[in-house]
Amino acid sequence: MSRLYLSAVLPCLTALAAHDPQAHEILGEARASIVLRIIAGPAATVRFRDGEVAWQDGTATGASVVLLFLGDRHLNAFFSGNKWAVPLPIWGGWRVALLARFSRLAARLEAIMDGHPEVLADVAGRRLHARLSLIAAGLGLHSLAAGDATAREALRHVPHGLASFTIAGEHNATVWFDHGSTDCVAGWGPPPRPSDVSIIFVDADTAYGAMREEIDTLAAVGAGRIKVDGLVPLADGLNFVMERLGVYLQN
């Protein structure tokens, strides 16, 4: 779960800042970076610059704030909203305004990804919810492939190849996963090479329905609302693995 938070949820801040006016306003003209790190474990860095957010795997040098977690449970409790799970600010704890900005941004991310009623009440909110859900699901494949026993066993029977998932008509709305590569790499944006299978949602409404399991995906494929082109067994196997995300990130 902690790996999913660091490598699948936090990267969603980039798309949040790019597509959500409230998030852009929260960021303002801040130029800073925050590191979230688990003792003897993984870390991630988020950088703020002129209303944009960049995510980086690992600990960046010269960070404005470094937040330390005592273990996986500590970080998971923090992301789950438990008030007692306060990280240790081993550097930059005096930057109260920056930490407050980050807290507001995280709350906005939670509202959109969890699909709060006020978010889903309009078309823009539903589109962003679908986009962020797809990012988290696609990037989460990497952590699931590395650490979830059920996912690892399932992937043993899935053909190797690169799969891409795209929301048609949306700018930069592709997530990809390279099954069988050295580290089962996942990414957001144009794939590094041609996909062995591509899954395309014809519009944001279809992606929204599929992400929330509100439509029959098999029927949507038959009706051409979801297009699958290429190595279908790879797409089917990754769809099963993606469903494991709900075990960890229930909302």
Protein backbone atom coordinates (compact mmCIF):
# COMPACT_ATOMS: atom_id res chain seq x y z
CA MET A 1 0.00 0.00 0.00
CA SER A 2 2.78 2.45 0.85
CA ARG A 3 4.39 1.85 -2.56
CA LEU A 4 1.07 2.55 -4.26
CA TYR A 5 0.71 5.83 -2.39
CA LEU A 6 4.22 6.96 -3.29
CA SER A 7 4.40 5.78 -6.90
CA ALA A 8 0.78 5.72 -8.13
CA VAL A 9 -1.18 8.28 -6.11
CA LEU A 10 1.37 11.08 -5.63
CA PRO A 11 2.11 11.29 -9.40
CA CYS A 12 -1.56 12.23 -9.87
CA LEU A 13 -0.69 15.64 -8.43
CA THR A 14 0.89 16.51 -11.78
CA ALA A 15 -2.37 16.01 -13.69
CA LEU A 16 -4.36 17.57 -10.87
CA ALA A 17 -2.37 20.81 -11.11
CA ALA A 18 -2.61 20.83 -14.90
CA HIS A 19 -6.37 20.31 -15.14
CA ASP A 20 -7.97 21.57 -11.92
CA PRO A 21 -8.35 25.35 -11.41
CA GLN A 22 -8.68 24.95 -7.63
CA ALA A 23 -5.41 23.03 -7.41
CA HIS A 24 -3.69 25.60 -9.62
CA GLU A 25 -4.92 28.35 -7.31
CA ILE A 26 -3.69 26.49 -4.22
CA LEU A 27 -0.22 26.19 -5.72
CA GLY A 28 0.02 29.84 -6.68
CA GLU A 29 3.58 30.84 -7.53
CA ALA A 30 5.20 28.45 -5.05
CA ARG A 31 8.63 27.15 -5.96
CA ALA A 32 9.63 24.38 -3.58
CA SER A 33 10.01 20.62 -3.22
CA ILE A 34 8.83 18.14 -0.59
CA VAL A 35 10.31 14.70 0.02
CA LEU A 36 8.28 11.92 1.61
CA ARG A 37 10.56 9.13 2.80
CA ILE A 38 10.19 5.91 4.78
CA ILE A 39 13.11 4.97 7.04
CA ALA A 40 15.18 2.33 5.19
CA GLY A 41 12.53 2.33 2.48
CA PRO A 42 11.37 4.14 -0.65
CA ALA A 43 10.89 7.85 -1.12
CA ALA A 44 9.25 10.26 -3.53
CA THR A 45 9.67 13.96 -4.24
CA VAL A 46 7.05 16.45 -5.40
CA ARG A 47 8.19 19.76 -6.87
CA PHE A 48 6.05 22.90 -7.10
CA ARG A 49 6.88 25.51 -9.68
CA ASP A 50 4.59 28.30 -10.92
CA GLY A 51 1.37 26.35 -10.58
CA GLU A 52 2.77 23.06 -11.84
CA VAL A 53 3.73 19.88 -9.99
CA ALA A 54 6.41 17.36 -10.95
CA TRP A 55 6.83 13.95 -9.33
CA GLN A 56 10.19 12.23 -8.93
CA ASP A 57 11.00 8.78 -7.64
CA GLY A 58 13.43 8.87 -4.72
CA THR A 59 14.90 11.68 -2.62
CA ALA A 60 15.85 14.84 -4.48
CA THR A 61 18.78 16.89 -3.27
CA GLY A 62 18.16 20.34 -1.89
CA ALA A 63 14.53 19.67 -0.94
CA SER A 64 12.66 22.45 0.85
CA VAL A 65 11.01 19.98 3.24
CA VAL A 66 11.80 16.36 4.11
CA LEU A 67 9.02 14.36 5.80
CA LEU A 68 10.14 11.12 7.42
CA PHE A 69 7.91 8.14 8.18
CA LEU A 70 8.87 5.44 10.68
CA GLY A 71 7.53 2.63 8.52
CA ASP A 72 4.96 1.58 5.95
CA ARG A 73 2.11 1.64 8.48
CA HIS A 74 3.00 5.19 9.48
CA LEU A 75 2.87 6.43 5.89
CA ASN A 76 -0.32 4.50 5.13
CA ALA A 77 -2.02 5.95 8.20
CA PHE A 78 -0.94 9.45 7.13
CA PHE A 79 -2.41 9.03 3.64
CA SER A 80 -5.55 7.51 5.14
CA GLY A 81 -6.11 10.73 7.08
CA ASN A 82 -5.34 9.54 10.61
CA LYS A 83 -4.54 12.66 12.61
CA TRP A 84 -2.05 10.89 14.86
CA ALA A 85 0.11 9.82 11.89
CA VAL A 86 2.09 13.06 11.67
CA PRO A 87 5.37 12.63 9.75
CA LEU A 88 8.64 13.81 11.25
CA PRO A 89 9.79 17.00 9.49
CA ILE A 90 13.52 16.32 9.65
CA TRP A 91 14.14 19.32 7.41
CA GLY A 92 12.08 22.41 6.61
CA GLY A 93 9.55 22.03 9.40
CA TRP A 94 9.54 25.79 9.83
CA ARG A 95 8.02 26.22 6.35
CA VAL A 96 4.50 26.20 7.73
CA ALA A 97 2.92 27.98 4.75
CA LEU A 98 4.37 25.44 2.31
CA LEU A 99 3.17 22.50 4.41
CA ALA A 100 -0.28 24.05 4.67
CA ARG A 101 -0.34 24.45 0.87
CA PHE A 102 0.62 20.80 0.43
CA SER A 103 -2.09 19.72 2.88
CA ARG A 104 -4.76 21.63 0.94
CA LEU A 105 -3.52 20.18 -2.34
CA ALA A 106 -3.63 16.65 -0.90
CA ALA A 107 -7.18 17.22 0.32
CA ARG A 108 -8.22 18.35 -3.15
CA LEU A 109 -6.58 15.26 -4.68
CA GLU A 110 -8.44 13.03 -2.22
CA ALA A 111 -11.78 14.66 -3.02
CA ILE A 112 -11.37 14.10 -6.75
CA MET A 113 -9.94 10.59 -6.60
CA ASP A 114 -12.55 9.44 -4.07
CA GLY A 115 -15.29 10.97 -6.19
CA HIS A 116 -16.88 13.31 -3.66
CA PRO A 117 -20.43 14.35 -4.71
CA GLU A 118 -19.45 17.96 -5.37
CA VAL A 119 -16.70 16.73 -7.72
CA LEU A 120 -18.94 14.38 -9.69
CA ALA A 121 -21.71 16.96 -9.96
CA ASP A 122 -20.27 18.46 -13.16
CA VAL A 123 -18.71 17.22 -16.37
CA ALA A 124 -15.24 18.64 -15.64
CA GLY A 125 -15.11 16.89 -12.26
CA ARG A 126 -16.10 13.55 -13.75
CA ARG A 127 -13.51 13.90 -16.52
CA LEU A 128 -10.76 14.65 -14.02
CA HIS A 129 -11.87 11.80 -11.76
CA ALA A 130 -11.62 9.41 -14.73
CA ARG A 131 -8.18 10.74 -15.70
CA LEU A 132 -6.72 10.45 -12.20
CA SER A 133 -8.28 7.02 -11.68
CA LEU A 134 -6.65 5.79 -14.90
CA ILE A 135 -3.27 7.22 -13.87
CA ALA A 136 -3.39 5.52 -10.47
CA ALA A 137 -4.58 2.21 -11.94
CA GLY A 138 -1.91 2.16 -14.64
CA LEU A 139 1.01 3.29 -12.52
CA GLY A 140 -0.16 0.99 -9.74
CA LEU A 141 0.54 -2.01 -11.96
CA HIS A 142 4.25 -1.56 -11.23
CA SER A 143 3.85 -1.82 -7.45
CA LEU A 144 1.33 -4.65 -7.72
CA ALA A 145 3.67 -6.61 -9.99
CA ALA A 146 6.48 -6.13 -7.48
CA GLY A 147 4.71 -6.73 -4.18
CA ASP A 148 1.25 -8.33 -4.46
CA ALA A 149 1.35 -12.14 -4.41
CA THR A 150 -1.94 -12.58 -6.28
CA ALA A 151 -0.89 -10.11 -8.96
CA ARG A 152 2.52 -11.72 -9.35
CA GLU A 153 0.97 -15.17 -9.77
CA ALA A 154 -1.53 -13.85 -12.32
CA LEU A 155 1.20 -12.12 -14.32
CA ARG A 156 3.11 -15.40 -14.60
CA HIS A 157 0.38 -16.54 -16.98
CA VAL A 158 0.09 -13.29 -18.95
CA PRO A 159 2.07 -12.84 -22.19
CA HIS A 160 4.85 -10.28 -22.15
CA GLY A 161 4.36 -7.01 -23.93
CA LEU A 162 3.60 -3.32 -23.59
CA ALA A 163 0.01 -2.28 -22.98
CA SER A 164 -1.34 1.26 -23.26
CA PHE A 165 -4.63 2.64 -21.92
CA THR A 166 -5.92 5.88 -23.48
CA ILE A 167 -8.88 8.21 -23.10
CA ALA A 168 -9.54 9.41 -26.66
CA GLY A 169 -10.09 13.11 -27.19
CA GLU A 170 -8.17 14.05 -24.03
CA HIS A 171 -4.74 15.69 -24.15
CA ASN A 172 -1.91 13.51 -22.81
CA ALA A 173 -4.27 10.85 -21.45
CA THR A 174 -2.32 7.61 -21.90
CA VAL A 175 -0.90 5.32 -19.24
CA TRP A 176 1.24 2.32 -20.17
CA PHE A 177 2.78 -0.78 -18.58
CA ASP A 178 5.64 -2.84 -19.96
CA HIS A 179 5.08 -6.39 -18.68
CA GLY A 180 8.18 -8.49 -18.98
CA SER A 181 10.65 -5.61 -18.96
CA THR A 182 13.43 -5.73 -16.38
CA ASP A 183 11.43 -3.82 -13.77
CA CYS A 184 7.90 -4.04 -15.22
CA VAL A 185 8.03 -0.32 -15.94
CA ALA A 186 4.88 1.84 -15.96
CA GLY A 187 4.47 5.44 -17.08
CA TRP A 188 2.07 8.25 -17.96
CA GLY A 189 2.31 9.83 -21.40
CA PRO A 190 3.47 8.49 -24.78
CA PRO A 191 4.76 4.88 -24.50
CA PRO A 192 8.49 4.33 -25.10
CA ARG A 193 7.73 2.04 -28.05
CA PRO A 194 4.69 0.85 -30.05
CA SER A 195 2.15 -0.94 -27.85
CA ASP A 196 1.55 -4.67 -28.19
CA VAL A 197 -2.02 -4.00 -27.13
CA SER A 198 -3.89 -0.72 -26.85
CA ILE A 199 -7.08 -0.16 -24.88
CA ILE A 200 -8.89 3.02 -25.92
CA PHE A 201 -11.91 4.54 -24.19
CA VAL A 202 -13.72 6.51 -26.89
CA ASP A 203 -14.46 9.40 -24.51
CA ALA A 204 -14.15 10.53 -20.90
CA ASP A 205 -17.69 9.38 -20.06
CA THR A 206 -16.82 5.82 -21.08
CA ALA A 207 -13.60 5.91 -19.07
CA TYR A 208 -15.52 7.29 -16.10
CA GLY A 209 -18.08 4.47 -16.27
CA ALA A 210 -15.40 1.82 -16.64
CA MET A 211 -13.24 3.15 -13.80
CA ARG A 212 -16.26 3.21 -11.47
CA GLU A 213 -17.59 -0.15 -12.73
CA GLU A 214 -20.85 1.54 -13.71
CA ILE A 215 -20.93 0.07 -17.21
CA ASP A 216 -20.65 -3.45 -18.58
CA THR A 217 -17.17 -3.34 -20.06
CA LEU A 218 -17.73 -6.40 -22.27
CA ALA A 219 -20.82 -4.75 -23.71
CA ALA A 220 -18.85 -1.52 -24.14
CA VAL A 221 -16.20 -3.42 -26.11
CA GLY A 222 -18.90 -4.99 -28.26
CA ALA A 223 -20.47 -1.58 -28.89
CA GLY A 224 -17.12 -0.05 -29.82
CA ARG A 225 -17.02 2.31 -26.82
CA ILE A 226 -13.88 0.53 -25.58
CA LYS A 227 -11.51 -0.51 -28.35
CA VAL A 228 -8.96 -3.27 -27.79
CA ASP A 229 -6.35 -3.67 -30.51
CA GLY A 230 -3.49 -6.17 -30.36
CA LEU A 231 -2.56 -8.83 -27.83
CA VAL A 232 -5.93 -9.34 -26.14
CA PRO A 233 -4.71 -11.90 -23.52
CA LEU A 234 -2.28 -9.25 -22.23
CA ALA A 235 -5.13 -6.75 -21.86
CA ASP A 236 -7.32 -9.31 -20.06
CA GLY A 237 -4.55 -10.26 -17.65
CA LEU A 238 -3.71 -6.66 -16.78
CA ASN A 239 -7.38 -5.86 -16.25
CA PHE A 240 -7.50 -8.57 -13.56
CA VAL A 241 -4.34 -7.22 -11.92
CA MET A 242 -5.74 -3.67 -11.94
CA GLU A 243 -8.72 -4.91 -9.96
CA ARG A 244 -6.30 -5.73 -7.15
CA LEU A 245 -5.84 -2.00 -6.67
CA GLY A 246 -9.18 -1.92 -4.87
CA VAL A 247 -7.80 -4.21 -2.17
CA TYR A 248 -5.41 -1.45 -1.14
CA LEU A 249 -7.00 1.82 -2.25
CA GLN A 250 -10.61 0.98 -1.51
CA ASN A 251 -12.25 4.21 -2.64
